[in-house]
Amino acid sequence: MEFSIAREELLRGLYLTQGIVERRTTIPILANVLIESTADGVIVAATDQEIGVRRHCAAKVKKKGALTTGARKLYEIARELPEGDIVLRALENNWIEVSAGRSRFKMVGLDPKEFPAMPAASKDEDKHAAVIPAATLMEMVERTLFAVSTDETRVNLSGVYVERAQKDQLRLVATDGHRLAMITRPVEGLVPAAGVLLPRKGIQEITKMLETGDGPLAMAVHAGIVHVSRGSAELSMRLLEGDFPDYKQVVPAESERRVVISTAAFLAALRRVSLVSSERTCGVRLDVDGSRMNVSSINPDIGEASEEIEVEYEAAPITVGFNARYIIDVLQVLASDSRVEMAFNDEVSPAVLRSESEADYSCVVMPMRL
């Protein structure tokens, strides 16, 4: 196999593989990228056997075939080569030659026939795919991914739950057991009625597809596999197993107390006060009385801090504790010029946070003992 390709085009293809290839693996070929020739270019592909990505890249193919070599090292080499075309050529014993200008590299490769295959979306699945504007999906992911559990033993919490909220409406939900984020947006096409659980890693790779390419993203589900495509890039991933919690039971139907606060002021106060809080719990105390909220934290090993901010609140005075990080994560994805509403019943009930002007995005945060 031999082909020439523009440096930027090769980098775009290799970029999508970097988060998928395994750094440490007992299967060496999973650290490699597969490059195959097509009628009008090459396909750059990678997989960890749970997630697979493919991108078609424009190239001038001199000799058809396939090759595979280390994905990370090839990406590093391509980044350092000068602007212009890069030539890749398959040598004997699966070695690869990479050349550009006066630079020459010879890289170890493996037999491309050993590269594992990943399922590809059928034409029928493409016809029934949900079509999501790139900006919409990026917003939905940014507003939920932070709530995904990082505890690998809790498989059913280690991904984002995707379901149909109503006809032509897509909902994303994530929780780690301490907080929950939920967002709903209108989409075109057939959204699966039954919810599916997408792994964190797969969602992170989808965001890379949203950063590059043009047009909306299409998503289809079939036989335990989610297929995602946008422009010249395709991604497939296996769904997580396990039952996602009944999140609707977590969100309080009614709340007796409501505090309305400037998002920017609340975020700034939490960031400052939490500097002295415990690194493990990041606990802060909120004392709400009338038009004032006092945000404070005491740490015997560091000291103490407090800050008062203006709020709108009409119920009886209350003191409640929260992990500041959980609230900060929510406030960071809201518009800085917005006002956030925090609704709760008492000191031990979960609080619901949402933008005052946005009903389709809400987060639930559990309180903590002070």
Protein backbone atom coordinates (compact mmCIF):
# COMPACT_ATOMS: atom_id res chain seq x y z
CA MET A 1 0.00 0.00 0.00
CA GLU A 2 1.17 3.52 -0.76
CA PHE A 3 -0.60 6.86 -0.62
CA SER A 4 0.01 10.58 -0.12
CA ILE A 5 -2.17 12.72 2.10
CA ALA A 6 -2.24 16.33 3.26
CA ARG A 7 -0.76 16.64 6.75
CA GLU A 8 -3.86 18.36 8.18
CA GLU A 9 -6.16 15.71 6.69
CA LEU A 10 -4.12 12.90 8.28
CA LEU A 11 -4.08 14.72 11.62
CA ARG A 12 -7.88 15.07 11.56
CA GLY A 13 -8.24 11.33 11.06
CA LEU A 14 -5.65 10.36 13.68
CA TYR A 15 -7.06 12.82 16.23
CA LEU A 16 -10.27 10.81 16.49
CA THR A 17 -8.31 7.65 17.33
CA GLN A 18 -6.23 9.00 20.21
CA GLY A 19 -8.78 8.54 22.98
CA ILE A 20 -9.74 5.05 21.82
CA VAL A 21 -6.45 3.21 21.35
CA GLU A 22 -5.26 1.44 24.49
CA ARG A 23 -2.11 2.67 26.24
CA ARG A 24 -1.67 -0.58 28.15
CA THR A 25 -3.13 -3.68 26.60
CA THR A 26 -2.41 -7.39 26.35
CA ILE A 27 -3.54 -7.20 22.71
CA PRO A 28 -0.83 -5.14 20.93
CA ILE A 29 -2.89 -4.39 17.82
CA LEU A 30 -5.41 -2.42 19.93
CA ALA A 31 -2.71 0.25 20.28
CA ASN A 32 -2.59 0.58 16.51
CA VAL A 33 -4.47 2.53 13.88
CA LEU A 34 -5.73 0.75 10.77
CA ILE A 35 -5.49 2.60 7.46
CA GLU A 36 -7.26 1.09 4.44
CA SER A 37 -7.51 2.38 0.88
CA THR A 38 -10.82 3.31 -0.77
CA ALA A 39 -11.75 4.47 -4.26
CA ASP A 40 -11.12 8.13 -3.37
CA GLY A 41 -8.93 8.08 -0.28
CA VAL A 42 -8.27 6.11 2.88
CA ILE A 43 -10.18 5.04 5.99
CA VAL A 44 -8.46 5.68 9.34
CA ALA A 45 -9.84 3.41 12.08
CA ALA A 46 -9.21 2.40 15.70
CA THR A 47 -10.98 0.28 18.32
CA ASP A 48 -10.68 -0.94 21.90
CA GLN A 49 -13.28 -3.66 21.14
CA GLU A 50 -15.95 -1.67 23.01
CA ILE A 51 -15.75 1.52 20.94
CA GLY A 52 -14.68 1.87 17.33
CA VAL A 53 -14.12 4.96 15.17
CA ARG A 54 -13.64 5.39 11.42
CA ARG A 55 -12.97 8.50 9.36
CA HIS A 56 -12.68 8.80 5.62
CA CYS A 57 -9.76 11.01 4.58
CA ALA A 58 -9.09 12.39 1.12
CA ALA A 59 -5.83 10.96 -0.22
CA LYS A 60 -4.05 10.04 -3.45
CA VAL A 61 -3.73 6.25 -3.41
CA LYS A 62 -0.86 4.98 -5.54
CA LYS A 63 -1.16 1.36 -4.45
CA LYS A 64 -4.22 -0.16 -2.76
CA GLY A 65 -4.08 -2.13 0.45
CA ALA A 66 -4.02 -1.72 4.22
CA LEU A 67 -1.51 -1.09 6.97
CA THR A 68 -1.49 -0.76 10.73
CA THR A 69 0.97 0.90 13.10
CA GLY A 70 1.12 2.65 16.47
CA ALA A 71 -1.64 5.28 16.56
CA ARG A 72 -0.09 7.59 19.13
CA LYS A 73 3.40 7.60 17.63
CA LEU A 74 2.10 8.18 14.10
CA TYR A 75 0.04 11.10 15.40
CA GLU A 76 3.09 12.57 17.16
CA ILE A 77 5.18 12.22 14.01
CA ALA A 78 2.52 13.82 11.80
CA ARG A 79 2.22 16.77 14.19
CA GLU A 80 5.95 17.49 13.92
CA LEU A 81 6.24 17.13 10.15
CA PRO A 82 6.15 20.28 7.99
CA GLU A 83 3.05 21.49 6.15
CA GLY A 84 2.33 19.70 2.90
CA ASP A 85 1.82 16.11 1.84
CA ILE A 86 2.88 13.05 3.81
CA VAL A 87 3.58 9.75 2.06
CA LEU A 88 2.87 6.44 3.80
CA ARG A 89 4.10 3.20 2.28
CA ALA A 90 3.82 -0.41 3.42
CA LEU A 91 7.14 -2.28 3.48
CA GLU A 92 8.02 -5.94 3.98
CA ASN A 93 7.20 -7.68 7.27
CA ASN A 94 4.47 -5.10 8.04
CA TRP A 95 6.90 -2.22 8.47
CA ILE A 96 5.69 1.27 7.51
CA GLU A 97 7.60 4.14 5.89
CA VAL A 98 6.47 7.70 6.59
CA SER A 99 8.05 10.52 4.61
CA ALA A 100 7.56 14.26 4.15
CA GLY A 101 10.08 16.65 2.65
CA ARG A 102 13.50 15.54 3.86
CA SER A 103 12.14 13.55 6.80
CA ARG A 104 11.94 9.74 6.77
CA PHE A 105 10.58 7.38 9.41
CA LYS A 106 10.32 3.60 9.47
CA MET A 107 7.79 2.24 11.93
CA VAL A 108 6.98 -1.23 13.17
CA GLY A 109 3.56 -2.47 12.10
CA LEU A 110 1.37 -5.53 12.47
CA ASP A 111 -0.60 -7.63 10.02
CA PRO A 112 -3.73 -5.57 9.16
CA LYS A 113 -5.67 -8.83 8.78
CA GLU A 114 -5.45 -9.25 12.57
CA PHE A 115 -7.18 -5.93 13.23
CA PRO A 116 -10.52 -6.57 15.00
CA ALA A 117 -13.71 -5.48 13.25
CA MET A 118 -16.41 -3.31 14.79
CA PRO A 119 -20.09 -3.35 13.74
CA ALA A 120 -21.11 -0.77 11.15
CA ALA A 121 -24.52 0.86 10.79
CA SER A 122 -26.74 -0.61 8.10
CA LYS A 123 -28.58 1.55 5.58
CA ASP A 124 -31.86 0.72 7.29
CA GLU A 125 -30.49 1.98 10.61
CA ASP A 126 -29.35 5.20 8.97
CA LYS A 127 -32.90 5.81 7.70
CA HIS A 128 -34.27 5.62 11.25
CA ALA A 129 -31.51 7.58 12.96
CA ALA A 130 -32.21 10.56 15.18
CA VAL A 131 -30.68 13.71 13.69
CA ILE A 132 -29.19 16.06 16.27
CA PRO A 133 -27.63 19.48 15.56
CA ALA A 134 -23.99 19.46 16.63
CA ALA A 135 -24.37 22.49 18.91
CA THR A 136 -27.40 20.94 20.60
CA LEU A 137 -25.70 17.64 21.39
CA MET A 138 -22.52 19.37 22.55
CA GLU A 139 -24.58 21.44 24.96
CA MET A 140 -26.44 18.36 26.22
CA VAL A 141 -23.22 16.45 26.82
CA GLU A 142 -21.47 19.37 28.55
CA ARG A 143 -24.43 19.76 30.89
CA THR A 144 -24.59 16.10 31.95
CA LEU A 145 -21.17 14.45 31.62
CA PHE A 146 -19.84 15.94 34.86
CA ALA A 147 -22.45 13.98 36.85
CA VAL A 148 -21.38 10.56 35.51
CA SER A 149 -19.90 8.29 38.19
CA THR A 150 -16.15 7.60 38.05
CA ASP A 151 -16.58 4.49 40.22
CA GLU A 152 -15.91 1.61 37.81
CA THR A 153 -17.71 -0.85 40.11
CA ARG A 154 -21.00 1.00 39.56
CA VAL A 155 -21.40 0.15 35.90
CA ASN A 156 -25.00 1.34 35.66
CA LEU A 157 -23.91 4.85 36.76
CA SER A 158 -20.76 5.08 34.62
CA GLY A 159 -22.49 6.42 31.53
CA VAL A 160 -25.10 8.82 30.20
CA TYR A 161 -28.69 7.57 29.94
CA VAL A 162 -30.35 8.49 26.64
CA GLU A 163 -34.09 8.20 26.03
CA ARG A 164 -37.11 9.73 24.34
CA ALA A 165 -38.78 12.25 26.65
CA GLN A 166 -41.70 12.92 24.32
CA LYS A 167 -42.21 12.56 20.59
CA ASP A 168 -39.21 14.11 18.81
CA GLN A 169 -37.52 14.99 22.12
CA LEU A 170 -34.21 13.58 23.31
CA ARG A 171 -33.30 13.43 27.00
CA LEU A 172 -29.87 12.86 28.55
CA VAL A 173 -29.53 11.96 32.24
CA ALA A 174 -26.45 11.26 34.35
CA THR A 175 -25.93 10.59 38.06
CA ASP A 176 -23.22 9.39 40.43
CA GLY A 177 -25.58 8.85 43.34
CA HIS A 178 -24.80 12.24 44.92
CA ARG A 179 -26.06 14.47 42.12
CA LEU A 180 -28.08 14.17 38.94
CA ALA A 181 -28.14 16.21 35.73
CA MET A 182 -30.99 16.05 33.20
CA ILE A 183 -31.52 17.91 29.93
CA THR A 184 -34.18 17.64 27.20
CA ARG A 185 -33.99 19.02 23.67
CA PRO A 186 -36.05 18.61 20.46
CA VAL A 187 -34.52 16.49 17.68
CA GLU A 188 -35.53 15.15 14.27
CA GLY A 189 -35.94 11.49 13.43
CA LEU A 190 -36.77 8.42 15.49
CA VAL A 191 -35.54 8.62 19.08
CA PRO A 192 -35.51 5.17 20.77
CA ALA A 193 -38.42 4.92 23.21
CA ALA A 194 -36.50 2.52 25.45
CA GLY A 195 -33.61 4.23 27.20
CA VAL A 196 -30.01 3.19 26.49
CA LEU A 197 -26.87 3.70 28.56
CA LEU A 198 -23.85 5.10 26.71
CA PRO A 199 -20.40 4.72 28.32
CA ARG A 200 -18.51 7.82 29.49
CA LYS A 201 -15.60 7.11 27.15
CA GLY A 202 -17.93 6.80 24.17
CA ILE A 203 -19.63 10.09 24.99
CA GLN A 204 -16.24 11.79 25.27
CA GLU A 205 -15.30 10.48 21.83
CA ILE A 206 -18.57 11.77 20.38
CA THR A 207 -17.59 15.27 21.53
CA LYS A 208 -14.44 14.97 19.42
CA MET A 209 -16.62 14.27 16.39
CA LEU A 210 -18.58 17.42 17.22
CA GLU A 211 -15.39 19.49 17.28
CA THR A 212 -14.49 18.55 13.71
CA GLY A 213 -16.50 18.04 10.53
CA ASP A 214 -19.70 19.64 9.30
CA GLY A 215 -23.43 19.19 9.71
CA PRO A 216 -25.63 17.47 12.29
CA LEU A 217 -24.96 14.15 13.96
CA ALA A 218 -27.04 11.01 13.30
CA MET A 219 -27.53 8.41 16.05
CA ALA A 220 -29.09 4.95 15.70
CA VAL A 221 -29.35 1.99 18.10
CA HIS A 222 -29.41 -1.65 17.03
CA ALA A 223 -28.63 -4.96 18.76
CA GLY A 224 -26.83 -3.43 21.73
CA ILE A 225 -24.72 -1.11 19.58
CA VAL A 226 -25.02 2.66 19.15
CA HIS A 227 -23.95 3.99 15.76
CA VAL A 228 -23.07 7.66 15.43
CA SER A 229 -22.07 9.44 12.23
CA ARG A 230 -21.21 12.97 11.24
CA GLY A 231 -19.75 13.98 7.93
CA SER A 232 -16.90 11.61 7.07
CA ALA A 233 -16.61 10.18 10.60
CA GLU A 234 -18.41 7.21 12.16
CA LEU A 235 -18.34 5.83 15.68
CA SER A 236 -19.86 2.68 17.15
CA MET A 237 -19.98 1.64 20.80
CA ARG A 238 -21.41 -1.15 22.89
CA LEU A 239 -24.12 -0.13 25.34
CA LEU A 240 -23.47 -0.48 29.05
CA GLU A 241 -25.32 -3.27 30.82
CA GLY A 242 -27.38 -2.79 33.96
CA ASP A 243 -30.47 -0.83 34.90
CA PHE A 244 -30.19 2.92 35.20
CA PRO A 245 -31.88 4.23 38.38
CA ASP A 246 -35.44 5.53 38.19
CA TYR A 247 -34.29 9.13 38.04
CA LYS A 248 -37.84 10.49 38.10
CA GLN A 249 -38.12 9.33 41.71
CA VAL A 250 -35.07 11.42 42.62
CA VAL A 251 -36.38 14.75 41.35
CA PRO A 252 -38.74 16.32 43.94
CA ALA A 253 -42.19 17.06 42.54
CA GLU A 254 -42.72 20.08 44.79
CA SER A 255 -40.43 22.29 46.88
CA GLU A 256 -41.44 24.55 49.75
CA ARG A 257 -38.38 26.82 49.60
CA ARG A 258 -36.92 28.67 46.63
CA VAL A 259 -33.79 30.79 46.52
CA VAL A 260 -33.06 32.84 43.40
CA ILE A 261 -29.44 33.93 42.98
CA SER A 262 -27.22 35.55 40.36
CA THR A 263 -25.35 32.67 38.71
CA ALA A 264 -22.11 34.65 38.43
CA ALA A 265 -22.21 35.88 42.05
CA PHE A 266 -23.01 32.42 43.44
CA LEU A 267 -20.28 30.77 41.37
CA ALA A 268 -17.65 33.32 42.41
CA ALA A 269 -18.57 33.03 46.10
CA LEU A 270 -18.42 29.23 46.04
CA ARG A 271 -15.06 29.23 44.29
CA ARG A 272 -13.55 31.61 46.83
CA VAL A 273 -15.01 30.09 49.98
CA SER A 274 -14.28 26.50 48.94
CA LEU A 275 -10.56 27.31 48.80
CA VAL A 276 -10.38 26.63 52.55
CA SER A 277 -12.73 23.63 52.59
CA SER A 278 -11.67 20.01 52.89
CA GLU A 279 -10.28 18.61 49.64
CA ARG A 280 -12.17 15.37 50.23
CA THR A 281 -15.65 16.74 50.91
CA CYS A 282 -15.38 20.37 49.69
CA GLY A 283 -18.16 21.20 52.15
CA VAL A 284 -19.71 24.66 52.37
CA ARG A 285 -22.50 26.01 54.56
CA LEU A 286 -25.33 28.12 53.17
CA ASP A 287 -27.24 30.31 55.64
CA VAL A 288 -30.27 31.84 53.94
CA ASP A 289 -32.33 34.56 55.60
CA GLY A 290 -34.46 37.06 53.70
CA SER A 291 -32.47 38.77 50.98
CA ARG A 292 -29.07 37.46 52.11
CA MET A 293 -27.21 34.18 51.76
CA ASN A 294 -24.00 33.66 53.70
CA VAL A 295 -21.64 31.13 52.11
CA SER A 296 -19.04 29.84 54.57
CA SER A 297 -16.58 27.04 55.25
CA ILE A 298 -14.40 26.10 58.23
CA ASN A 299 -11.36 23.84 58.02
CA PRO A 300 -9.31 23.24 61.20
CA ASP A 301 -6.20 22.58 59.11
CA ILE A 302 -6.45 25.75 57.01
CA GLY A 303 -8.83 28.32 58.45
CA GLU A 304 -12.22 29.72 57.57
CA ALA A 305 -13.93 31.87 54.94
CA SER A 306 -17.32 33.47 54.37
CA GLU A 307 -19.01 35.65 51.80
CA GLU A 308 -22.46 37.23 51.72
CA ILE A 309 -24.47 37.53 48.50
CA GLU A 310 -27.89 38.96 47.68
CA VAL A 311 -30.75 36.54 46.99
CA GLU A 312 -34.51 36.42 46.67
CA TYR A 313 -36.01 34.24 49.40
CA GLU A 314 -39.34 34.45 51.23
CA ALA A 315 -39.49 31.35 53.46
CA ALA A 316 -38.20 30.83 57.01
CA PRO A 317 -34.42 31.07 57.60
CA ILE A 318 -32.53 27.85 56.89
CA THR A 319 -29.00 26.46 57.09
CA VAL A 320 -27.94 23.68 54.74
CA GLY A 321 -24.63 22.13 53.66
CA PHE A 322 -23.46 21.04 50.21
CA ASN A 323 -20.39 19.81 48.39
CA ALA A 324 -19.31 23.02 46.66
CA ARG A 325 -17.89 21.15 43.67
CA TYR A 326 -21.29 19.71 42.83
CA ILE A 327 -22.92 23.13 42.70
CA ILE A 328 -19.95 24.70 40.89
CA ASP A 329 -20.18 22.06 38.16
CA VAL A 330 -23.79 23.08 37.52
CA LEU A 331 -23.21 26.84 37.62
CA GLN A 332 -20.28 26.58 35.19
CA VAL A 333 -22.52 25.33 32.38
CA LEU A 334 -25.19 28.00 32.87
CA ALA A 335 -25.09 31.42 31.22
CA SER A 336 -23.08 33.77 33.43
CA ASP A 337 -25.70 36.52 33.10
CA SER A 338 -28.54 34.23 34.19
CA ARG A 339 -30.15 33.69 37.58
CA VAL A 340 -30.27 30.24 39.13
CA GLU A 341 -33.12 28.90 41.23
CA MET A 342 -32.31 26.52 44.07
CA ALA A 343 -35.41 24.72 45.35
CA PHE A 344 -35.59 22.39 48.37
CA ASN A 345 -37.84 21.44 51.26
CA ASP A 346 -35.54 21.26 54.27
CA GLU A 347 -31.96 20.68 55.46
CA VAL A 348 -31.92 16.99 54.51
CA SER A 349 -33.84 16.98 51.23
CA PRO A 350 -32.23 17.18 47.78
CA ALA A 351 -31.97 20.58 46.11
CA VAL A 352 -33.02 21.18 42.52
CA LEU A 353 -30.99 23.75 40.59
CA ARG A 354 -32.15 25.21 37.30
CA SER A 355 -31.77 28.42 35.37
CA GLU A 356 -34.68 30.75 36.10
CA SER A 357 -35.33 31.08 32.36
CA GLU A 358 -34.77 27.46 31.34
CA ALA A 359 -37.20 24.69 32.24
CA ASP A 360 -35.65 21.83 30.24
CA TYR A 361 -32.40 21.57 32.20
CA SER A 362 -32.19 20.77 35.89
CA CYS A 363 -29.76 19.27 38.38
CA VAL A 364 -30.40 17.58 41.70
CA VAL A 365 -27.76 17.80 44.45
CA MET A 366 -27.92 15.91 47.72
CA PRO A 367 -27.11 17.93 50.88
CA MET A 368 -24.35 16.94 53.28
CA ARG A 369 -24.05 16.98 57.05
CA LEU A 370 -22.25 20.04 58.37
